[in-house]
Each structure stands twice: as C-alpha cells, then as structure tokens.
Amino acid sequence: MDITKDIQPMTTFRNHSAEIMQHLKDTGRPVILTVNGRAAAVIQDAQAYQHLLDLAAEASAAEGIRQGLEDLRIGRVRPAGAVFDDIRADDGIPR
C-alpha cells in the first residue's frame, strides 16, 4: 500500500474520479477514501472484488467441511434416515 496514493479524501475522489479509477486499474490496489481524516470507504476494481468474494466462498466451504469433520470426530452425528424421518414428521410428509 502506498499511503500517498492509496488513501484519498472523498473530495479528491469526487473531483478526480477518472484518475483514481485508472490508478485502481493500473495498480490493482484498493483506495481508501476518508471523510474528515477517517477511513469511510474502500473502493476497488470489480475483478479484485470478485476475487475477494471467491476467497470468502472458499473459506466458508472449507470451514463447513472442517466443522463436519469435527462433528464426525466427536460423534455428533445422526443417521440420514433418522434426519429424513424427523423432517417428514415435522412437515407432515408421508413416507
């Protein structure tokens, strides 16, 4: 991060948005916008944002798998048939 270019006041973004958008494209780094000297927003190009979404989805899936394996390890499991029987009973679905 280059604090002289990657942190900008909101007014600079309003007045020079085209240049800042080009900076995003050129560097691939997000820009932090400030209001009254405090961070208020982060802007980044769409490709970088999609990459973050993809990483979050992968992390979420990996955490779900980790939790499932932990449940299995400690015996916090039920047979699938029992689960389906409970769902049928709760929702009044005949077998």
PDB file of N, CA and C in Angstrom:
ATOM      1  N   MET A   1       0.840  -1.174   0.000  1.00  0.00           N
ATOM      2  CA  MET A   1       0.000   0.000   0.000  1.00  0.00           C
ATOM      3  C   MET A   1       0.884   1.237   0.000  1.00  0.00           C
ATOM      4  N   ASP A   2       0.540   2.176  -0.841  1.00  0.00           N
ATOM      5  CA  ASP A   2       1.233   3.461  -0.915  1.00  0.00           C
ATOM      6  C   ASP A   2       0.293   4.500  -0.315  1.00  0.00           C
ATOM      7  N   ILE A   3       0.575   4.917   0.933  1.00  0.00           N
ATOM      8  CA  ILE A   3      -0.376   5.805   1.612  1.00  0.00           C
ATOM      9  C   ILE A   3      -0.519   7.159   0.934  1.00  0.00           C
ATOM     10  N   THR A   4       0.433   7.539   0.121  1.00  0.00           N
ATOM     11  CA  THR A   4       0.301   8.824  -0.575  1.00  0.00           C
ATOM     12  C   THR A   4      -0.652   8.737  -1.758  1.00  0.00           C
ATOM     13  N   LYS A   5      -0.911   7.524  -2.255  1.00  0.00           N
ATOM     14  CA  LYS A   5      -1.796   7.362  -3.409  1.00  0.00           C
ATOM     15  C   LYS A   5      -3.013   6.497  -3.111  1.00  0.00           C
ATOM     16  N   ASP A   6      -2.917   5.600  -2.130  1.00  0.00           N
ATOM     17  CA  ASP A   6      -3.985   4.654  -1.863  1.00  0.00           C
ATOM     18  C   ASP A   6      -4.952   5.114  -0.776  1.00  0.00           C
ATOM     19  N   ILE A   7      -4.664   6.221  -0.138  1.00  0.00           N
ATOM     20  CA  ILE A   7      -5.586   6.819   0.832  1.00  0.00           C
ATOM     21  C   ILE A   7      -5.864   8.235   0.358  1.00  0.00           C
ATOM     22  N   GLN A   8      -7.126   8.504   0.065  1.00  0.00           N
ATOM     23  CA  GLN A   8      -7.500   9.802  -0.512  1.00  0.00           C
ATOM     24  C   GLN A   8      -8.754  10.350   0.170  1.00  0.00           C
ATOM     25  N   PRO A   9      -8.839  11.665   0.291  1.00  0.00           N
ATOM     26  CA  PRO A   9     -10.078  12.258   0.796  1.00  0.00           C
ATOM     27  C   PRO A   9     -11.216  12.044  -0.204  1.00  0.00           C
ATOM     28  N   MET A  10     -12.418  11.950   0.308  1.00  0.00           N
ATOM     29  CA  MET A  10     -13.587  11.768  -0.537  1.00  0.00           C
ATOM     30  C   MET A  10     -13.685  12.893  -1.577  1.00  0.00           C
ATOM     31  N   THR A  11     -13.334  14.101  -1.193  1.00  0.00           N
ATOM     32  CA  THR A  11     -13.424  15.221  -2.148  1.00  0.00           C
ATOM     33  C   THR A  11     -12.461  15.023  -3.317  1.00  0.00           C
ATOM     34  N   THR A  12     -11.295  14.439  -3.058  1.00  0.00           N
ATOM     35  CA  THR A  12     -10.366  14.158  -4.150  1.00  0.00           C
ATOM     36  C   THR A  12     -10.979  13.144  -5.101  1.00  0.00           C
ATOM     37  N   PHE A  13     -11.643  12.140  -4.550  1.00  0.00           N
ATOM     38  CA  PHE A  13     -12.297  11.151  -5.406  1.00  0.00           C
ATOM     39  C   PHE A  13     -13.401  11.810  -6.232  1.00  0.00           C
ATOM     40  N   ARG A  14     -14.187  12.673  -5.614  1.00  0.00           N
ATOM     41  CA  ARG A  14     -15.256  13.356  -6.358  1.00  0.00           C
ATOM     42  C   ARG A  14     -14.691  14.194  -7.499  1.00  0.00           C
ATOM     43  N   ASN A  15     -13.590  14.865  -7.225  1.00  0.00           N
ATOM     44  CA  ASN A  15     -13.014  15.777  -8.222  1.00  0.00           C
ATOM     45  C   ASN A  15     -12.103  15.096  -9.238  1.00  0.00           C
ATOM     46  N   HIS A  16     -11.604  13.919  -8.915  1.00  0.00           N
ATOM     47  CA  HIS A  16     -10.639  13.241  -9.790  1.00  0.00           C
ATOM     48  C   HIS A  16     -10.962  11.756  -9.922  1.00  0.00           C
ATOM     49  N   SER A  17     -12.220  11.429 -10.039  1.00  0.00           N
ATOM     50  CA  SER A  17     -12.616  10.017 -10.038  1.00  0.00           C
ATOM     51  C   SER A  17     -12.010   9.241 -11.211  1.00  0.00           C
ATOM     52  N   ALA A  18     -11.925   9.851 -12.376  1.00  0.00           N
ATOM     53  CA  ALA A  18     -11.367   9.139 -13.533  1.00  0.00           C
ATOM     54  C   ALA A  18      -9.906   8.745 -13.279  1.00  0.00           C
ATOM     55  N   GLU A  19      -9.137   9.668 -12.698  1.00  0.00           N
ATOM     56  CA  GLU A  19      -7.737   9.363 -12.413  1.00  0.00           C
ATOM     57  C   GLU A  19      -7.611   8.273 -11.347  1.00  0.00           C
ATOM     58  N   ILE A  20      -8.453   8.343 -10.339  1.00  0.00           N
ATOM     59  CA  ILE A  20      -8.396   7.335  -9.278  1.00  0.00           C
ATOM     60  C   ILE A  20      -8.823   5.974  -9.819  1.00  0.00           C
ATOM     61  N   MET A  21      -9.823   5.940 -10.675  1.00  0.00           N
ATOM     62  CA  MET A  21     -10.231   4.678 -11.285  1.00  0.00           C
ATOM     63  C   MET A  21      -9.100   4.103 -12.144  1.00  0.00           C
ATOM     64  N   GLN A  22      -8.373   4.950 -12.837  1.00  0.00           N
ATOM     65  CA  GLN A  22      -7.224   4.483 -13.617  1.00  0.00           C
ATOM     66  C   GLN A  22      -6.147   3.934 -12.692  1.00  0.00           C
ATOM     67  N   HIS A  23      -5.933   4.601 -11.552  1.00  0.00           N
ATOM     68  CA  HIS A  23      -4.974   4.127 -10.552  1.00  0.00           C
ATOM     69  C   HIS A  23      -5.362   2.727 -10.074  1.00  0.00           C
ATOM     70  N   LEU A  24      -6.672   2.506  -9.820  1.00  0.00           N
ATOM     71  CA  LEU A  24      -7.147   1.178  -9.414  1.00  0.00           C
ATOM     72  C   LEU A  24      -6.790   0.140 -10.469  1.00  0.00           C
ATOM     73  N   LYS A  25      -7.068   0.481 -11.709  1.00  0.00           N
ATOM     74  CA  LYS A  25      -6.800  -0.445 -12.812  1.00  0.00           C
ATOM     75  C   LYS A  25      -5.300  -0.721 -12.952  1.00  0.00           C
ATOM     76  N   ASP A  26      -4.499   0.325 -12.853  1.00  0.00           N
ATOM     77  CA  ASP A  26      -3.050   0.190 -13.038  1.00  0.00           C
ATOM     78  C   ASP A  26      -2.378  -0.603 -11.923  1.00  0.00           C
ATOM     79  N   THR A  27      -2.802  -0.365 -10.678  1.00  0.00           N
ATOM     80  CA  THR A  27      -2.105  -0.964  -9.531  1.00  0.00           C
ATOM     81  C   THR A  27      -2.769  -2.230  -9.014  1.00  0.00           C
ATOM     82  N   GLY A  28      -4.090  -2.340  -9.193  1.00  0.00           N
ATOM     83  CA  GLY A  28      -4.818  -3.465  -8.620  1.00  0.00           C
ATOM     84  C   GLY A  28      -5.011  -3.335  -7.119  1.00  0.00           C
ATOM     85  N   ARG A  29      -4.570  -2.216  -6.563  1.00  0.00           N
ATOM     86  CA  ARG A  29      -4.704  -1.993  -5.122  1.00  0.00           C
ATOM     87  C   ARG A  29      -5.972  -1.192  -4.846  1.00  0.00           C
ATOM     88  N   PRO A  30      -6.633  -1.458  -3.728  1.00  0.00           N
ATOM     89  CA  PRO A  30      -7.807  -0.664  -3.374  1.00  0.00           C
ATOM     90  C   PRO A  30      -7.392   0.735  -2.934  1.00  0.00           C
ATOM     91  N   VAL A  31      -8.345   1.645  -2.962  1.00  0.00           N
ATOM     92  CA  VAL A  31      -8.134   3.008  -2.480  1.00  0.00           C
ATOM     93  C   VAL A  31      -9.059   3.219  -1.293  1.00  0.00           C
ATOM     94  N   ILE A  32      -8.514   3.741  -0.231  1.00  0.00           N
ATOM     95  CA  ILE A  32      -9.294   4.049   0.963  1.00  0.00           C
ATOM     96  C   ILE A  32      -9.691   5.519   0.887  1.00  0.00           C
ATOM     97  N   LEU A  33     -10.994   5.767   0.986  1.00  0.00           N
ATOM     98  CA  LEU A  33     -11.498   7.138   0.958  1.00  0.00           C
ATOM     99  C   LEU A  33     -11.772   7.590   2.383  1.00  0.00           C
ATOM    100  N   THR A  34     -11.370   8.818   2.670  1.00  0.00           N
ATOM    101  CA  THR A  34     -11.543   9.339   4.018  1.00  0.00           C
ATOM    102  C   THR A  34     -12.528  10.500   4.030  1.00  0.00           C
ATOM    103  N   VAL A  35     -13.161  10.655   5.168  1.00  0.00           N
ATOM    104  CA  VAL A  35     -14.012  11.811   5.444  1.00  0.00           C
ATOM    105  C   VAL A  35     -13.540  12.361   6.780  1.00  0.00           C
ATOM    106  N   ASN A  36     -13.174  13.621   6.789  1.00  0.00           N
ATOM    107  CA  ASN A  36     -12.637  14.253   7.993  1.00  0.00           C
ATOM    108  C   ASN A  36     -11.455  13.468   8.567  1.00  0.00           C
ATOM    109  N   GLY A  37     -10.624  12.936   7.681  1.00  0.00           N
ATOM    110  CA  GLY A  37      -9.411  12.241   8.099  1.00  0.00           C
ATOM    111  C   GLY A  37      -9.611  10.815   8.568  1.00  0.00           C
ATOM    112  N   ARG A  38     -10.827  10.309   8.529  1.00  0.00           N
ATOM    113  CA  ARG A  38     -11.095   8.942   8.973  1.00  0.00           C
ATOM    114  C   ARG A  38     -11.534   8.082   7.798  1.00  0.00           C
ATOM    115  N   ALA A  39     -11.090   6.842   7.793  1.00  0.00           N
ATOM    116  CA  ALA A  39     -11.478   5.923   6.726  1.00  0.00           C
ATOM    117  C   ALA A  39     -12.996   5.805   6.686  1.00  0.00           C
ATOM    118  N   ALA A  40     -13.569   5.976   5.486  1.00  0.00           N
ATOM    119  CA  ALA A  40     -15.024   5.926   5.336  1.00  0.00           C
ATOM    120  C   ALA A  40     -15.452   4.859   4.336  1.00  0.00           C
ATOM    121  N   ALA A  41     -14.621   4.584   3.339  1.00  0.00           N
ATOM    122  CA  ALA A  41     -14.991   3.610   2.316  1.00  0.00           C
ATOM    123  C   ALA A  41     -13.734   3.082   1.643  1.00  0.00           C
ATOM    124  N   VAL A  42     -13.882   1.911   1.065  1.00  0.00           N
ATOM    125  CA  VAL A  42     -12.797   1.319   0.278  1.00  0.00           C
ATOM    126  C   VAL A  42     -13.365   1.059  -1.108  1.00  0.00           C
ATOM    127  N   ILE A  43     -12.645   1.507  -2.124  1.00  0.00           N
ATOM    128  CA  ILE A  43     -13.058   1.197  -3.491  1.00  0.00           C
ATOM    129  C   ILE A  43     -11.983   0.320  -4.123  1.00  0.00           C
ATOM    130  N   GLN A  44     -12.459  -0.567  -4.974  1.00  0.00           N
ATOM    131  CA  GLN A  44     -11.537  -1.442  -5.671  1.00  0.00           C
ATOM    132  C   GLN A  44     -12.165  -1.821  -7.000  1.00  0.00           C
ATOM    133  N   ASP A  45     -11.356  -2.328  -7.903  1.00  0.00           N
ATOM    134  CA  ASP A  45     -11.916  -2.695  -9.197  1.00  0.00           C
ATOM    135  C   ASP A  45     -12.743  -3.967  -9.060  1.00  0.00           C
ATOM    136  N   ALA A  46     -13.630  -4.176 -10.013  1.00  0.00           N
ATOM    137  CA  ALA A  46     -14.583  -5.282  -9.946  1.00  0.00           C
ATOM    138  C   ALA A  46     -13.878  -6.635  -9.909  1.00  0.00           C
ATOM    139  N   GLN A  47     -12.802  -6.791 -10.650  1.00  0.00           N
ATOM    140  CA  GLN A  47     -12.081  -8.063 -10.677  1.00  0.00           C
ATOM    141  C   GLN A  47     -11.500  -8.387  -9.303  1.00  0.00           C
ATOM    142  N   ALA A  48     -10.930  -7.393  -8.642  1.00  0.00           N
ATOM    143  CA  ALA A  48     -10.365  -7.619  -7.306  1.00  0.00           C
ATOM    144  C   ALA A  48     -11.471  -7.946  -6.306  1.00  0.00           C
ATOM    145  N   TYR A  49     -12.619  -7.290  -6.438  1.00  0.00           N
ATOM    146  CA  TYR A  49     -13.743  -7.568  -5.554  1.00  0.00           C
ATOM    147  C   TYR A  49     -14.242  -9.000  -5.768  1.00  0.00           C
ATOM    148  N   GLN A  50     -14.368  -9.423  -7.011  1.00  0.00           N
ATOM    149  CA  GLN A  50     -14.794 -10.790  -7.301  1.00  0.00           C
ATOM    150  C   GLN A  50     -13.821 -11.794  -6.715  1.00  0.00           C
ATOM    151  N   HIS A  51     -12.538 -11.483  -6.795  1.00  0.00           N
ATOM    152  CA  HIS A  51     -11.518 -12.358  -6.216  1.00  0.00           C
ATOM    153  C   HIS A  51     -11.738 -12.505  -4.705  1.00  0.00           C
ATOM    154  N   LEU A  52     -12.032 -11.400  -4.020  1.00  0.00           N
ATOM    155  CA  LEU A  52     -12.305 -11.460  -2.580  1.00  0.00           C
ATOM    156  C   LEU A  52     -13.544 -12.301  -2.292  1.00  0.00           C
ATOM    157  N   LEU A  53     -14.598 -12.135  -3.100  1.00  0.00           N
ATOM    158  CA  LEU A  53     -15.801 -12.948  -2.925  1.00  0.00           C
ATOM    159  C   LEU A  53     -15.491 -14.426  -3.097  1.00  0.00           C
ATOM    160  N   ASP A  54     -14.685 -14.757  -4.101  1.00  0.00           N
ATOM    161  CA  ASP A  54     -14.305 -16.151  -4.338  1.00  0.00           C
ATOM    162  C   ASP A  54     -13.514 -16.714  -3.162  1.00  0.00           C
ATOM    163  N   LEU A  55     -12.584 -15.920  -2.629  1.00  0.00           N
ATOM    164  CA  LEU A  55     -11.808 -16.367  -1.468  1.00  0.00           C
ATOM    165  C   LEU A  55     -12.706 -16.591  -0.259  1.00  0.00           C
ATOM    166  N   ALA A  56     -13.662 -15.699  -0.046  1.00  0.00           N
ATOM    167  CA  ALA A  56     -14.588 -15.847   1.085  1.00  0.00           C
ATOM    168  C   ALA A  56     -15.431 -17.104   0.930  1.00  0.00           C
ATOM    169  N   ALA A  57     -15.881 -17.382  -0.280  1.00  0.00           N
ATOM    170  CA  ALA A  57     -16.689 -18.581  -0.515  1.00  0.00           C
ATOM    171  C   ALA A  57     -15.864 -19.843  -0.261  1.00  0.00           C
ATOM    172  N   GLU A  58     -14.621 -19.840  -0.712  1.00  0.00           N
ATOM    173  CA  GLU A  58     -13.748 -20.988  -0.481  1.00  0.00           C
ATOM    174  C   GLU A  58     -13.502 -21.185   1.011  1.00  0.00           C
ATOM    175  N   ALA A  59     -13.267 -20.088   1.722  1.00  0.00           N
ATOM    176  CA  ALA A  59     -13.022 -20.174   3.164  1.00  0.00           C
ATOM    177  C   ALA A  59     -14.262 -20.696   3.877  1.00  0.00           C
ATOM    178  N   SER A  60     -15.432 -20.252   3.439  1.00  0.00           N
ATOM    179  CA  SER A  60     -16.678 -20.702   4.053  1.00  0.00           C
ATOM    180  C   SER A  60     -16.878 -22.200   3.826  1.00  0.00           C
ATOM    181  N   ALA A  61     -16.621 -22.660   2.620  1.00  0.00           N
ATOM    182  CA  ALA A  61     -16.760 -24.089   2.314  1.00  0.00           C
ATOM    183  C   ALA A  61     -15.757 -24.898   3.128  1.00  0.00           C
ATOM    184  N   ALA A  62     -14.537 -24.423   3.205  1.00  0.00           N
ATOM    185  CA  ALA A  62     -13.511 -25.135   3.963  1.00  0.00           C
ATOM    186  C   ALA A  62     -13.883 -25.198   5.442  1.00  0.00           C
ATOM    187  N   GLU A  63     -14.449 -24.121   5.975  1.00  0.00           N
ATOM    188  CA  GLU A  63     -14.861 -24.111   7.380  1.00  0.00           C
ATOM    189  C   GLU A  63     -16.020 -25.079   7.605  1.00  0.00           C
ATOM    190  N   GLY A  64     -16.951 -25.147   6.666  1.00  0.00           N
ATOM    191  CA  GLY A  64     -18.058 -26.093   6.777  1.00  0.00           C
ATOM    192  C   GLY A  64     -17.557 -27.530   6.796  1.00  0.00           C
ATOM    193  N   ILE A  65     -16.602 -27.815   5.951  1.00  0.00           N
ATOM    194  CA  ILE A  65     -16.015 -29.161   5.923  1.00  0.00           C
ATOM    195  C   ILE A  65     -15.288 -29.441   7.236  1.00  0.00           C
ATOM    196  N   ARG A  66     -14.539 -28.464   7.713  1.00  0.00           N
ATOM    197  CA  ARG A  66     -13.819 -28.641   8.979  1.00  0.00           C
ATOM    198  C   ARG A  66     -14.794 -28.926  10.115  1.00  0.00           C
ATOM    199  N   GLN A  67     -15.897 -28.175  10.170  1.00  0.00           N
ATOM    200  CA  GLN A  67     -16.883 -28.392  11.221  1.00  0.00           C
ATOM    201  C   GLN A  67     -17.531 -29.764  11.101  1.00  0.00           C
ATOM    202  N   GLY A  68     -17.833 -30.192   9.872  1.00  0.00           N
ATOM    203  CA  GLY A  68     -18.414 -31.513   9.669  1.00  0.00           C
ATOM    204  C   GLY A  68     -17.485 -32.620  10.120  1.00  0.00           C
ATOM    205  N   LEU A  69     -16.215 -32.480   9.808  1.00  0.00           N
ATOM    206  CA  LEU A  69     -15.243 -33.482  10.238  1.00  0.00           C
ATOM    207  C   LEU A  69     -15.092 -33.490  11.756  1.00  0.00           C
ATOM    208  N   GLU A  70     -15.158 -32.324  12.358  1.00  0.00           N
ATOM    209  CA  GLU A  70     -15.094 -32.238  13.823  1.00  0.00           C
ATOM    210  C   GLU A  70     -16.320 -32.913  14.441  1.00  0.00           C
ATOM    211  N   ASP A  71     -17.503 -32.664  13.882  1.00  0.00           N
ATOM    212  CA  ASP A  71     -18.719 -33.320  14.370  1.00  0.00           C
ATOM    213  C   ASP A  71     -18.566 -34.834  14.283  1.00  0.00           C
ATOM    214  N   LEU A  72     -18.048 -35.304  13.182  1.00  0.00           N
ATOM    215  CA  LEU A  72     -17.842 -36.745  12.988  1.00  0.00           C
ATOM    216  C   LEU A  72     -16.858 -37.287  14.026  1.00  0.00           C
ATOM    217  N   ARG A  73     -15.789 -36.544  14.238  1.00  0.00           N
ATOM    218  CA  ARG A  73     -14.750 -36.977  15.190  1.00  0.00           C
ATOM    219  C   ARG A  73     -15.308 -37.123  16.600  1.00  0.00           C
ATOM    220  N   ILE A  74     -16.173 -36.203  17.023  1.00  0.00           N
ATOM    221  CA  ILE A  74     -16.675 -36.258  18.404  1.00  0.00           C
ATOM    222  C   ILE A  74     -18.006 -37.003  18.517  1.00  0.00           C
ATOM    223  N   GLY A  75     -18.468 -37.542  17.394  1.00  0.00           N
ATOM    224  CA  GLY A  75     -19.675 -38.355  17.441  1.00  0.00           C
ATOM    225  C   GLY A  75     -20.977 -37.579  17.419  1.00  0.00           C
ATOM    226  N   ARG A  76     -20.928 -36.331  17.018  1.00  0.00           N
ATOM    227  CA  ARG A  76     -22.140 -35.516  16.929  1.00  0.00           C
ATOM    228  C   ARG A  76     -22.758 -35.706  15.543  1.00  0.00           C
ATOM    229  N   VAL A  77     -23.255 -36.922  15.301  1.00  0.00           N
ATOM    230  CA  VAL A  77     -23.824 -37.293  14.002  1.00  0.00           C
ATOM    231  C   VAL A  77     -25.088 -38.110  14.224  1.00  0.00           C
ATOM    232  N   ARG A  78     -25.929 -38.150  13.192  1.00  0.00           N
ATOM    233  CA  ARG A  78     -27.139 -38.971  13.204  1.00  0.00           C
ATOM    234  C   ARG A  78     -27.255 -39.631  11.846  1.00  0.00           C
ATOM    235  N   PRO A  79     -27.837 -40.810  11.810  1.00  0.00           N
ATOM    236  CA  PRO A  79     -28.054 -41.451  10.513  1.00  0.00           C
ATOM    237  C   PRO A  79     -28.980 -40.604   9.650  1.00  0.00           C
ATOM    238  N   ALA A  80     -28.718 -40.558   8.347  1.00  0.00           N
ATOM    239  CA  ALA A  80     -29.514 -39.747   7.429  1.00  0.00           C
ATOM    240  C   ALA A  80     -30.987 -40.139   7.472  1.00  0.00           C
ATOM    241  N   GLY A  81     -31.262 -41.436   7.594  1.00  0.00           N
ATOM    242  CA  GLY A  81     -32.646 -41.891   7.646  1.00  0.00           C
ATOM    243  C   GLY A  81     -33.410 -41.276   8.802  1.00  0.00           C
ATOM    244  N   ALA A  82     -32.755 -41.154   9.954  1.00  0.00           N
ATOM    245  CA  ALA A  82     -33.400 -40.556  11.121  1.00  0.00           C
ATOM    246  C   ALA A  82     -33.678 -39.075  10.888  1.00  0.00           C
ATOM    247  N   VAL A  83     -32.757 -38.410  10.250  1.00  0.00           N
ATOM    248  CA  VAL A  83     -32.946 -36.991   9.945  1.00  0.00           C
ATOM    249  C   VAL A  83     -34.128 -36.813   8.997  1.00  0.00           C
ATOM    250  N   PHE A  84     -34.190 -37.627   7.948  1.00  0.00           N
ATOM    251  CA  PHE A  84     -35.301 -37.526   6.996  1.00  0.00           C
ATOM    252  C   PHE A  84     -36.629 -37.880   7.654  1.00  0.00           C
ATOM    253  N   ASP A  85     -36.624 -38.861   8.553  1.00  0.00           N
ATOM    254  CA  ASP A  85     -37.853 -39.199   9.277  1.00  0.00           C
ATOM    255  C   ASP A  85     -38.337 -38.007  10.096  1.00  0.00           C
ATOM    256  N   ASP A  86     -37.420 -37.307  10.753  1.00  0.00           N
ATOM    257  CA  ASP A  86     -37.794 -36.124  11.539  1.00  0.00           C
ATOM    258  C   ASP A  86     -38.355 -35.022  10.648  1.00  0.00           C
ATOM    259  N   ILE A  87     -37.732 -34.816   9.505  1.00  0.00           N
ATOM    260  CA  ILE A  87     -38.219 -33.781   8.580  1.00  0.00           C
ATOM    261  C   ILE A  87     -39.619 -34.136   8.101  1.00  0.00           C
ATOM    262  N   ARG A  88     -39.822 -35.395   7.729  1.00  0.00           N
ATOM    263  CA  ARG A  88     -41.153 -35.825   7.279  1.00  0.00           C
ATOM    264  C   ARG A  88     -42.185 -35.610   8.382  1.00  0.00           C
ATOM    265  N   ALA A  89     -41.826 -35.986   9.603  1.00  0.00           N
ATOM    266  CA  ALA A  89     -42.766 -35.836  10.715  1.00  0.00           C
ATOM    267  C   ALA A  89     -43.071 -34.363  10.989  1.00  0.00           C
ATOM    268  N   ASP A  90     -42.042 -33.508  10.963  1.00  0.00           N
ATOM    269  CA  ASP A  90     -42.231 -32.070  11.211  1.00  0.00           C
ATOM    270  C   ASP A  90     -43.130 -31.414  10.155  1.00  0.00           C
ATOM    271  N   ASP A  91     -42.982 -31.844   8.908  1.00  0.00           N
ATOM    272  CA  ASP A  91     -43.696 -31.207   7.811  1.00  0.00           C
ATOM    273  C   ASP A  91     -44.909 -32.002   7.326  1.00  0.00           C
ATOM    274  N   GLY A  92     -45.228 -33.101   8.016  1.00  0.00           N
ATOM    275  CA  GLY A  92     -46.391 -33.895   7.646  1.00  0.00           C
ATOM    276  C   GLY A  92     -46.273 -34.548   6.279  1.00  0.00           C
ATOM    277  N   ILE A  93     -45.087 -34.952   5.920  1.00  0.00           N
ATOM    278  CA  ILE A  93     -44.849 -35.587   4.617  1.00  0.00           C
ATOM    279  C   ILE A  93     -44.935 -37.096   4.808  1.00  0.00           C
ATOM    280  N   PRO A  94     -45.842 -37.766   4.078  1.00  0.00           N
ATOM    281  CA  PRO A  94     -45.924 -39.222   4.237  1.00  0.00           C
ATOM    282  C   PRO A  94     -44.703 -39.914   3.651  1.00  0.00           C
ATOM    283  N   ARG A  95     -44.431 -41.073   4.167  1.00  0.00           N
ATOM    284  CA  ARG A  95     -43.273 -41.848   3.690  1.00  0.00           C
ATOM    285  C   ARG A  95     -43.552 -42.474   2.365  1.00  0.00           C
TER     286      ARG A  95
END
